[in-house]
Amino acid sequence: MTLDGVRTVLRTDPASITMPRQMSENFEHLQSEEDVEEILRLAVRQTGSDTGSLRERLAQSADELGISPEALAEAEREWAAKRRSESARELESGDRSAFRKMKVAELLQHAGVYAIVNAFLLWIDLRNGALNWAMWPIAGWGIAVALHALSVFVHGPDEEKEFQRWRKKRTKKSKES
């Protein structure tokens, strides 16, 4: 039995369902539709694959529940569309996460180069006895690093365009290799 079949069973009037005495005595442990779906899912798995292909089992379950082949086909199309949509959302979510990580990594690289170069400039300036000129490149470049950090952590109006360009470029690279 399939999940759609389970949902159809759940919509059936409980008074019209007859079950063995032993089964009805154990029925009070069911608390929700999810419990019923899970029990039926387990029962389907236990039947194994000796009943034929999954498609045949689906058609057989639908027929047993009185579901027309047209309704089953429509439900399958709806399920497939939902699956594709979920897949696309998961892929985009993963891509957005990778994009954010790339932007933070670029910022950290920028900050690291800033620290190393300016430490060297500061050392050179202090070797001459006083802080004369090193503060200017430190301040100017510091402003650039701060603006870079701002662009990473505060989403601007061009964020989506930048993400789409990055994603397109990444997709193109993956197709080439």
C-alpha atoms as a PDB file:
ATOM      1  CA  MET A   1       0.000   0.000   0.000  1.00  0.00           C
ATOM      2  CA  THR A   2       1.257   3.444  -0.808  1.00  0.00           C
ATOM      3  CA  LEU A   3       1.197   6.666   1.134  1.00  0.00           C
ATOM      4  CA  ASP A   4      -1.607   7.979  -1.081  1.00  0.00           C
ATOM      5  CA  GLY A   5      -3.468   4.763  -0.404  1.00  0.00           C
ATOM      6  CA  VAL A   6      -2.944   5.262   3.289  1.00  0.00           C
ATOM      7  CA  ARG A   7      -4.355   8.757   3.085  1.00  0.00           C
ATOM      8  CA  THR A   8      -7.401   7.419   1.250  1.00  0.00           C
ATOM      9  CA  VAL A   9      -7.898   4.805   3.947  1.00  0.00           C
ATOM     10  CA  LEU A  10      -7.639   7.531   6.551  1.00  0.00           C
ATOM     11  CA  ARG A  11     -10.449   9.461   4.865  1.00  0.00           C
ATOM     12  CA  THR A  12     -12.667   6.346   4.954  1.00  0.00           C
ATOM     13  CA  ASP A  13     -15.431   6.236   7.558  1.00  0.00           C
ATOM     14  CA  PRO A  14     -14.012   4.248  10.524  1.00  0.00           C
ATOM     15  CA  ALA A  15     -17.379   2.604  11.130  1.00  0.00           C
ATOM     16  CA  SER A  16     -17.227   0.973   7.700  1.00  0.00           C
ATOM     17  CA  ILE A  17     -13.894  -0.704   8.417  1.00  0.00           C
ATOM     18  CA  THR A  18     -14.083  -4.157   9.944  1.00  0.00           C
ATOM     19  CA  MET A  19     -11.035  -5.644  11.534  1.00  0.00           C
ATOM     20  CA  PRO A  20     -10.214  -8.790  13.451  1.00  0.00           C
ATOM     21  CA  ARG A  21     -10.925  -8.727  17.218  1.00  0.00           C
ATOM     22  CA  GLN A  22      -7.232  -9.010  18.169  1.00  0.00           C
ATOM     23  CA  MET A  23      -6.317  -6.100  15.896  1.00  0.00           C
ATOM     24  CA  SER A  24      -9.103  -3.873  17.219  1.00  0.00           C
ATOM     25  CA  GLU A  25      -7.960  -4.458  20.812  1.00  0.00           C
ATOM     26  CA  ASN A  26      -4.497  -3.134  19.932  1.00  0.00           C
ATOM     27  CA  PHE A  27      -5.805  -0.143  17.988  1.00  0.00           C
ATOM     28  CA  GLU A  28      -5.819   2.337  20.894  1.00  0.00           C
ATOM     29  CA  HIS A  29      -2.042   2.898  20.624  1.00  0.00           C
ATOM     30  CA  LEU A  30      -2.602   4.839  17.398  1.00  0.00           C
ATOM     31  CA  GLN A  31      -2.476   8.553  18.089  1.00  0.00           C
ATOM     32  CA  SER A  32      -2.307  10.180  14.660  1.00  0.00           C
ATOM     33  CA  GLU A  33      -2.436   9.736  10.888  1.00  0.00           C
ATOM     34  CA  GLU A  34       1.347   9.524  10.954  1.00  0.00           C
ATOM     35  CA  ASP A  35       1.119   6.413  13.182  1.00  0.00           C
ATOM     36  CA  VAL A  36      -1.193   4.725  10.689  1.00  0.00           C
ATOM     37  CA  GLU A  37       1.009   5.730   7.743  1.00  0.00           C
ATOM     38  CA  GLU A  38       4.127   4.408   9.477  1.00  0.00           C
ATOM     39  CA  ILE A  39       2.487   1.067  10.350  1.00  0.00           C
ATOM     40  CA  LEU A  40       1.294   0.628   6.773  1.00  0.00           C
ATOM     41  CA  ARG A  41       4.722   1.649   5.463  1.00  0.00           C
ATOM     42  CA  LEU A  42       6.306  -1.068   7.615  1.00  0.00           C
ATOM     43  CA  ALA A  43       3.723  -3.618   6.463  1.00  0.00           C
ATOM     44  CA  VAL A  44       4.456  -2.800   2.817  1.00  0.00           C
ATOM     45  CA  ARG A  45       8.198  -3.232   3.410  1.00  0.00           C
ATOM     46  CA  GLN A  46       7.615  -6.571   5.123  1.00  0.00           C
ATOM     47  CA  THR A  47       5.727  -7.929   2.127  1.00  0.00           C
ATOM     48  CA  GLY A  48       8.986  -7.702   0.196  1.00  0.00           C
ATOM     49  CA  SER A  49       9.412  -7.454  -3.537  1.00  0.00           C
ATOM     50  CA  ASP A  50       7.779 -10.808  -4.353  1.00  0.00           C
ATOM     51  CA  THR A  51       4.608  -9.017  -5.449  1.00  0.00           C
ATOM     52  CA  GLY A  52       6.348  -7.466  -8.438  1.00  0.00           C
ATOM     53  CA  SER A  53       7.677  -4.050  -9.232  1.00  0.00           C
ATOM     54  CA  LEU A  54       6.939  -1.021  -7.116  1.00  0.00           C
ATOM     55  CA  ARG A  55       4.791   0.397  -9.891  1.00  0.00           C
ATOM     56  CA  GLU A  56       2.699  -2.772  -9.989  1.00  0.00           C
ATOM     57  CA  ARG A  57       2.320  -2.714  -6.202  1.00  0.00           C
ATOM     58  CA  LEU A  58       1.200   0.916  -6.362  1.00  0.00           C
ATOM     59  CA  ALA A  59      -1.374   0.157  -9.054  1.00  0.00           C
ATOM     60  CA  GLN A  60      -2.619  -2.879  -7.129  1.00  0.00           C
ATOM     61  CA  SER A  61      -2.984  -0.898  -3.891  1.00  0.00           C
ATOM     62  CA  ALA A  62      -4.800   1.896  -5.686  1.00  0.00           C
ATOM     63  CA  ASP A  63      -7.159  -0.607  -7.293  1.00  0.00           C
ATOM     64  CA  GLU A  64      -7.855  -2.240  -3.907  1.00  0.00           C
ATOM     65  CA  LEU A  65      -8.705   1.176  -2.484  1.00  0.00           C
ATOM     66  CA  GLY A  66     -10.977   2.021  -5.395  1.00  0.00           C
ATOM     67  CA  ILE A  67      -8.712   4.704  -6.831  1.00  0.00           C
ATOM     68  CA  SER A  68      -9.064   5.122 -10.579  1.00  0.00           C
ATOM     69  CA  PRO A  69      -5.978   4.819 -12.793  1.00  0.00           C
ATOM     70  CA  GLU A  70      -6.485   8.454 -13.850  1.00  0.00           C
ATOM     71  CA  ALA A  71      -6.526   9.663 -10.238  1.00  0.00           C
ATOM     72  CA  LEU A  72      -3.434   7.573  -9.527  1.00  0.00           C
ATOM     73  CA  ALA A  73      -1.621   9.032 -12.552  1.00  0.00           C
ATOM     74  CA  GLU A  74      -2.548  12.578 -11.463  1.00  0.00           C
ATOM     75  CA  ALA A  75      -1.351  11.878  -7.909  1.00  0.00           C
ATOM     76  CA  GLU A  76       1.931  10.512  -9.293  1.00  0.00           C
ATOM     77  CA  ARG A  77       2.444  13.637 -11.426  1.00  0.00           C
ATOM     78  CA  GLU A  78       1.729  15.847  -8.411  1.00  0.00           C
ATOM     79  CA  TRP A  79       4.137  13.810  -6.270  1.00  0.00           C
ATOM     80  CA  ALA A  80       6.865  13.984  -8.933  1.00  0.00           C
ATOM     81  CA  ALA A  81       6.452  17.760  -9.284  1.00  0.00           C
ATOM     82  CA  LYS A  82       6.648  18.155  -5.517  1.00  0.00           C
ATOM     83  CA  ARG A  83       9.811  16.015  -5.420  1.00  0.00           C
ATOM     84  CA  ARG A  84      11.443  18.089  -8.190  1.00  0.00           C
ATOM     85  CA  SER A  85      10.519  21.295  -6.397  1.00  0.00           C
ATOM     86  CA  GLU A  86      11.977  20.040  -3.105  1.00  0.00           C
ATOM     87  CA  SER A  87      15.117  18.899  -4.914  1.00  0.00           C
ATOM     88  CA  ALA A  88      15.539  22.293  -6.555  1.00  0.00           C
ATOM     89  CA  ARG A  89      15.070  24.063  -3.210  1.00  0.00           C
ATOM     90  CA  GLU A  90      17.653  21.804  -1.541  1.00  0.00           C
ATOM     91  CA  LEU A  91      20.097  22.407  -4.384  1.00  0.00           C
ATOM     92  CA  GLU A  92      19.618  26.172  -4.208  1.00  0.00           C
ATOM     93  CA  SER A  93      19.990  26.103  -0.431  1.00  0.00           C
ATOM     94  CA  GLY A  94      23.268  24.216  -0.800  1.00  0.00           C
ATOM     95  CA  ASP A  95      24.439  26.645  -3.474  1.00  0.00           C
ATOM     96  CA  ARG A  96      23.590  29.640  -1.291  1.00  0.00           C
ATOM     97  CA  SER A  97      25.517  28.099   1.584  1.00  0.00           C
ATOM     98  CA  ALA A  98      28.539  27.505  -0.649  1.00  0.00           C
ATOM     99  CA  PHE A  99      28.271  31.091  -1.968  1.00  0.00           C
ATOM    100  CA  ARG A 100      28.238  32.502   1.582  1.00  0.00           C
ATOM    101  CA  LYS A 101      31.241  30.354   2.551  1.00  0.00           C
ATOM    102  CA  MET A 102      33.124  31.545  -0.529  1.00  0.00           C
ATOM    103  CA  LYS A 103      32.405  35.193   0.308  1.00  0.00           C
ATOM    104  CA  VAL A 104      33.557  34.755   3.922  1.00  0.00           C
ATOM    105  CA  ALA A 105      36.698  32.917   2.746  1.00  0.00           C
ATOM    106  CA  GLU A 106      37.519  35.780   0.360  1.00  0.00           C
ATOM    107  CA  LEU A 107      37.069  38.275   3.203  1.00  0.00           C
ATOM    108  CA  LEU A 108      39.335  36.270   5.510  1.00  0.00           C
ATOM    109  CA  GLN A 109      41.965  36.058   2.781  1.00  0.00           C
ATOM    110  CA  HIS A 110      41.735  39.832   2.266  1.00  0.00           C
ATOM    111  CA  ALA A 111      42.018  40.474   6.011  1.00  0.00           C
ATOM    112  CA  GLY A 112      44.982  38.088   6.272  1.00  0.00           C
ATOM    113  CA  VAL A 113      46.900  39.785   3.462  1.00  0.00           C
ATOM    114  CA  TYR A 114      46.038  43.167   5.035  1.00  0.00           C
ATOM    115  CA  ALA A 115      47.426  42.085   8.398  1.00  0.00           C
ATOM    116  CA  ILE A 116      50.655  40.602   6.993  1.00  0.00           C
ATOM    117  CA  VAL A 117      51.483  43.448   4.596  1.00  0.00           C
ATOM    118  CA  ASN A 118      50.651  46.179   7.084  1.00  0.00           C
ATOM    119  CA  ALA A 119      52.584  44.481   9.859  1.00  0.00           C
ATOM    120  CA  PHE A 120      55.596  44.515   7.534  1.00  0.00           C
ATOM    121  CA  LEU A 121      55.029  48.192   6.633  1.00  0.00           C
ATOM    122  CA  LEU A 122      54.660  49.057  10.307  1.00  0.00           C
ATOM    123  CA  TRP A 123      57.887  47.212  11.111  1.00  0.00           C
ATOM    124  CA  ILE A 124      59.747  49.129   8.382  1.00  0.00           C
ATOM    125  CA  ASP A 125      58.337  52.468   9.604  1.00  0.00           C
ATOM    126  CA  LEU A 126      59.176  51.748  13.252  1.00  0.00           C
ATOM    127  CA  ARG A 127      62.738  50.687  12.338  1.00  0.00           C
ATOM    128  CA  ASN A 128      63.333  54.318  11.346  1.00  0.00           C
ATOM    129  CA  GLY A 129      62.477  55.386  14.883  1.00  0.00           C
ATOM    130  CA  ALA A 130      58.904  56.667  14.685  1.00  0.00           C
ATOM    131  CA  LEU A 131      55.527  56.097  13.156  1.00  0.00           C
ATOM    132  CA  ASN A 132      55.660  58.462  10.184  1.00  0.00           C
ATOM    133  CA  TRP A 133      53.924  57.095   7.117  1.00  0.00           C
ATOM    134  CA  ALA A 134      52.689  53.509   7.830  1.00  0.00           C
ATOM    135  CA  MET A 135      49.451  54.733   9.386  1.00  0.00           C
ATOM    136  CA  TRP A 136      48.211  55.990   5.991  1.00  0.00           C
ATOM    137  CA  PRO A 137      48.277  52.658   4.124  1.00  0.00           C
ATOM    138  CA  ILE A 138      46.970  50.930   7.281  1.00  0.00           C
ATOM    139  CA  ALA A 139      44.030  53.365   7.506  1.00  0.00           C
ATOM    140  CA  GLY A 140      43.253  53.387   3.770  1.00  0.00           C
ATOM    141  CA  TRP A 141      43.438  49.646   3.349  1.00  0.00           C
ATOM    142  CA  GLY A 142      41.577  49.193   6.659  1.00  0.00           C
ATOM    143  CA  ILE A 143      38.655  51.131   5.215  1.00  0.00           C
ATOM    144  CA  ALA A 144      38.688  48.824   2.183  1.00  0.00           C
ATOM    145  CA  VAL A 145      38.661  45.712   4.412  1.00  0.00           C
ATOM    146  CA  ALA A 146      35.805  47.180   6.468  1.00  0.00           C
ATOM    147  CA  LEU A 147      33.783  47.858   3.307  1.00  0.00           C
ATOM    148  CA  HIS A 148      34.510  44.333   2.117  1.00  0.00           C
ATOM    149  CA  ALA A 149      33.237  42.957   5.449  1.00  0.00           C
ATOM    150  CA  LEU A 150      30.151  45.119   5.156  1.00  0.00           C
ATOM    151  CA  SER A 151      29.450  43.728   1.689  1.00  0.00           C
ATOM    152  CA  VAL A 152      29.777  40.163   3.009  1.00  0.00           C
ATOM    153  CA  PHE A 153      27.604  40.480   6.104  1.00  0.00           C
ATOM    154  CA  VAL A 154      25.028  43.091   5.005  1.00  0.00           C
ATOM    155  CA  HIS A 155      22.957  41.991   2.019  1.00  0.00           C
ATOM    156  CA  GLY A 156      22.693  44.709  -0.567  1.00  0.00           C
ATOM    157  CA  PRO A 157      20.328  45.079  -3.512  1.00  0.00           C
ATOM    158  CA  ASP A 158      22.787  43.370  -5.871  1.00  0.00           C
ATOM    159  CA  GLU A 159      23.235  40.276  -3.677  1.00  0.00           C
ATOM    160  CA  GLU A 160      20.842  38.125  -5.716  1.00  0.00           C
ATOM    161  CA  LYS A 161      22.428  39.154  -9.044  1.00  0.00           C
ATOM    162  CA  GLU A 162      25.873  38.377  -7.668  1.00  0.00           C
ATOM    163  CA  PHE A 163      24.671  34.973  -6.437  1.00  0.00           C
ATOM    164  CA  GLN A 164      23.116  34.142  -9.818  1.00  0.00           C
ATOM    165  CA  ARG A 165      26.330  35.140 -11.671  1.00  0.00           C
ATOM    166  CA  TRP A 166      28.393  33.013  -9.279  1.00  0.00           C
ATOM    167  CA  ARG A 167      26.010  30.067  -9.658  1.00  0.00           C
ATOM    168  CA  LYS A 168      26.041  30.307 -13.459  1.00  0.00           C
ATOM    169  CA  LYS A 169      29.841  30.465 -13.506  1.00  0.00           C
ATOM    170  CA  ARG A 170      30.062  27.509 -11.109  1.00  0.00           C
ATOM    171  CA  THR A 171      27.639  25.455 -13.197  1.00  0.00           C
ATOM    172  CA  LYS A 172      29.597  26.232 -16.353  1.00  0.00           C
ATOM    173  CA  LYS A 173      32.863  25.134 -14.683  1.00  0.00           C
ATOM    174  CA  SER A 174      31.333  21.878 -13.450  1.00  0.00           C
ATOM    175  CA  LYS A 175      30.033  21.069 -16.946  1.00  0.00           C
ATOM    176  CA  GLU A 176      33.476  21.673 -18.461  1.00  0.00           C
ATOM    177  CA  SER A 177      35.255  19.293 -16.112  1.00  0.00           C
END
